[in-house]
């Protein structure tokens, strides 16, 4: 009787583990969803004025995370500019002219939480300026 109960318990545990892998974690959980291309308005910032940039996705976007950096002569620096995630997947970035000090351009890194695991991942993308299907980098020129 005890052997039968253990065998049934083992089968149930295997079934639960299989259900977790199939339903709980999902087959596509390990694959980053595609992040659409983003367009920014305006495409150029003036270093002497406060700014507001609105970035819109070219198609519906998954849940995203966003980091903004100023690119100058040295390492990228995080911009002191609030980032607002909009319900349609858009992004609004606002800031003062002081946040652009020393920067030649701004780079906004947009990706999913599964593609940008930590700040250093976003910093590396800001350095390279390269985009792919899971992380987009929007570059804005800064006029002096």
Protein backbone atom coordinates (compact mmCIF):
# COMPACT_ATOMS: atom_id res chain seq x y z
CA UNK A 1 0.00 0.00 0.00
CA UNK A 2 2.81 2.38 0.90
CA UNK A 3 4.60 1.62 -2.38
CA UNK A 4 1.48 2.41 -4.39
CA UNK A 5 1.01 5.70 -2.53
CA UNK A 6 4.64 6.69 -3.21
CA UNK A 7 4.30 5.77 -6.88
CA UNK A 8 1.12 7.85 -7.21
CA UNK A 9 2.79 10.75 -5.42
CA UNK A 10 5.82 10.54 -7.74
CA UNK A 11 3.58 10.58 -10.82
CA UNK A 12 1.66 13.59 -9.46
CA UNK A 13 4.87 15.48 -8.73
CA UNK A 14 6.16 14.81 -12.26
CA UNK A 15 2.84 15.99 -13.71
CA UNK A 16 2.97 19.19 -11.64
CA UNK A 17 6.56 19.85 -12.69
CA UNK A 18 5.59 19.38 -16.34
CA UNK A 19 2.60 21.69 -15.97
CA UNK A 20 4.82 24.35 -14.39
CA UNK A 21 7.30 24.18 -17.26
CA UNK A 22 4.57 24.24 -19.90
CA UNK A 23 2.08 26.71 -18.38
CA UNK A 24 3.81 28.54 -15.53
CA UNK A 25 7.09 29.44 -17.14
CA UNK A 26 5.80 29.29 -20.68
CA UNK A 27 7.60 28.09 -23.77
CA UNK A 28 8.42 31.64 -24.91
CA UNK A 29 9.49 33.03 -21.52
CA UNK A 30 13.15 32.46 -22.37
CA UNK A 31 12.86 34.38 -25.65
CA UNK A 32 12.87 38.19 -25.55
CA UNK A 33 9.89 39.75 -27.27
CA UNK A 34 10.73 41.98 -30.17
CA UNK A 35 10.90 45.69 -29.38
CA UNK A 36 9.67 47.84 -32.27
CA UNK A 37 11.62 50.74 -33.73
CA UNK A 38 11.01 54.10 -32.02
CA UNK A 39 10.87 57.55 -33.59
CA UNK A 40 11.57 60.66 -31.54
CA UNK A 41 10.15 64.16 -31.79
CA UNK A 42 12.11 66.34 -31.76
CA UNK A 43 15.15 64.53 -33.16
CA UNK A 44 17.50 67.31 -32.00
CA UNK A 45 17.79 68.92 -28.56
CA UNK A 46 19.01 72.45 -27.84
CA UNK A 47 21.63 72.51 -25.09
CA UNK A 48 20.44 75.94 -23.92
CA UNK A 49 16.78 75.07 -23.33
CA UNK A 50 14.64 72.65 -21.34
CA UNK A 51 13.45 69.74 -23.44
CA UNK A 52 10.62 67.28 -23.86
CA UNK A 53 11.05 64.32 -26.19
CA UNK A 54 8.21 62.02 -27.18
CA UNK A 55 9.20 58.63 -28.60
CA UNK A 56 6.58 56.45 -30.28
CA UNK A 57 6.88 52.79 -31.27
CA UNK A 58 6.28 51.82 -34.90
CA UNK A 59 4.03 48.95 -33.73
CA UNK A 60 2.59 47.75 -30.40
CA UNK A 61 5.35 47.40 -27.83
CA UNK A 62 5.82 44.86 -25.04
CA UNK A 63 6.36 46.06 -21.48
CA UNK A 64 9.62 48.04 -21.59
CA UNK A 65 12.33 49.56 -19.43
CA UNK A 66 14.10 52.77 -20.47
CA UNK A 67 17.44 54.41 -19.61
CA UNK A 68 18.66 57.80 -20.89
CA UNK A 69 22.33 58.78 -21.22
CA UNK A 70 24.31 61.82 -22.30
CA UNK A 71 27.26 60.99 -24.55
CA UNK A 72 30.26 63.32 -24.33
CA UNK A 73 34.03 62.88 -24.43
CA UNK A 74 34.05 60.28 -21.67
CA UNK A 75 31.80 57.47 -20.49
CA UNK A 76 28.04 57.85 -21.02
CA UNK A 77 26.39 59.63 -18.07
CA UNK A 78 22.81 58.99 -16.97
CA UNK A 79 20.66 62.01 -17.84
CA UNK A 80 18.96 63.75 -14.94
CA UNK A 81 15.65 63.63 -16.79
CA UNK A 82 12.40 61.97 -15.68
CA UNK A 83 11.24 59.15 -17.96
CA UNK A 84 7.51 58.50 -18.33
CA UNK A 85 6.23 55.26 -19.85
CA UNK A 86 3.00 55.89 -21.74
CA UNK A 87 0.12 53.38 -22.00
CA UNK A 88 0.61 52.91 -25.77
CA UNK A 89 4.27 51.89 -25.33
CA UNK A 90 5.54 55.40 -25.96
CA UNK A 91 8.15 57.18 -23.86
CA UNK A 92 8.27 60.80 -22.68
CA UNK A 93 11.59 62.25 -21.53
CA UNK A 94 11.77 65.74 -19.98
CA UNK A 95 14.71 67.63 -18.59
CA UNK A 96 16.51 70.88 -18.06
CA UNK A 97 19.35 72.25 -20.16
CA UNK A 98 21.67 71.57 -17.20
CA UNK A 99 21.15 67.81 -17.65
CA UNK A 100 22.73 68.09 -21.13
CA UNK A 101 25.96 69.76 -19.93
CA UNK A 102 28.99 68.23 -21.62
CA UNK A 103 26.97 65.95 -23.92
CA UNK A 104 27.11 65.93 -27.73
CA UNK A 105 24.16 63.59 -28.04
CA UNK A 106 21.59 61.76 -25.96
CA UNK A 107 21.04 58.03 -26.28
CA UNK A 108 17.83 56.47 -24.98
CA UNK A 109 18.06 52.70 -24.46
CA UNK A 110 14.70 50.88 -24.72
CA UNK A 111 14.27 47.17 -24.07
CA UNK A 112 12.43 44.55 -22.08
CA UNK A 113 13.32 43.62 -18.52
CA UNK A 114 14.51 40.25 -19.83
CA UNK A 115 16.89 41.90 -22.32
CA UNK A 116 18.22 44.62 -19.97
CA UNK A 117 18.90 42.82 -16.70
CA UNK A 118 20.72 45.65 -14.95
CA UNK A 119 22.03 49.18 -15.37
CA UNK A 120 25.37 47.95 -16.79
CA UNK A 121 23.55 46.28 -19.71
CA UNK A 122 21.93 49.59 -20.63
CA UNK A 123 25.24 51.43 -20.19
CA UNK A 124 26.97 49.02 -22.59
CA UNK A 125 24.26 49.66 -25.20
CA UNK A 126 24.57 53.41 -24.72
CA UNK A 127 28.32 53.11 -25.34
CA UNK A 128 27.92 51.09 -28.51
CA UNK A 129 24.80 52.84 -29.78
CA UNK A 130 23.71 49.64 -31.51
CA UNK A 131 20.15 48.32 -31.70
CA UNK A 132 18.80 44.84 -32.30
CA UNK A 133 15.38 43.17 -32.10
CA UNK A 134 15.28 43.15 -28.27
CA UNK A 135 16.97 46.49 -27.45
CA UNK A 136 16.56 49.78 -29.32
CA UNK A 137 18.87 52.76 -28.97
CA UNK A 138 17.41 56.12 -30.01
CA UNK A 139 20.09 58.78 -30.62
CA UNK A 140 19.29 62.50 -30.42
CA UNK A 141 21.79 65.18 -31.50
CA UNK A 142 22.39 68.10 -29.12
CA UNK A 143 22.84 71.54 -30.71
CA UNK A 144 25.17 73.99 -28.94
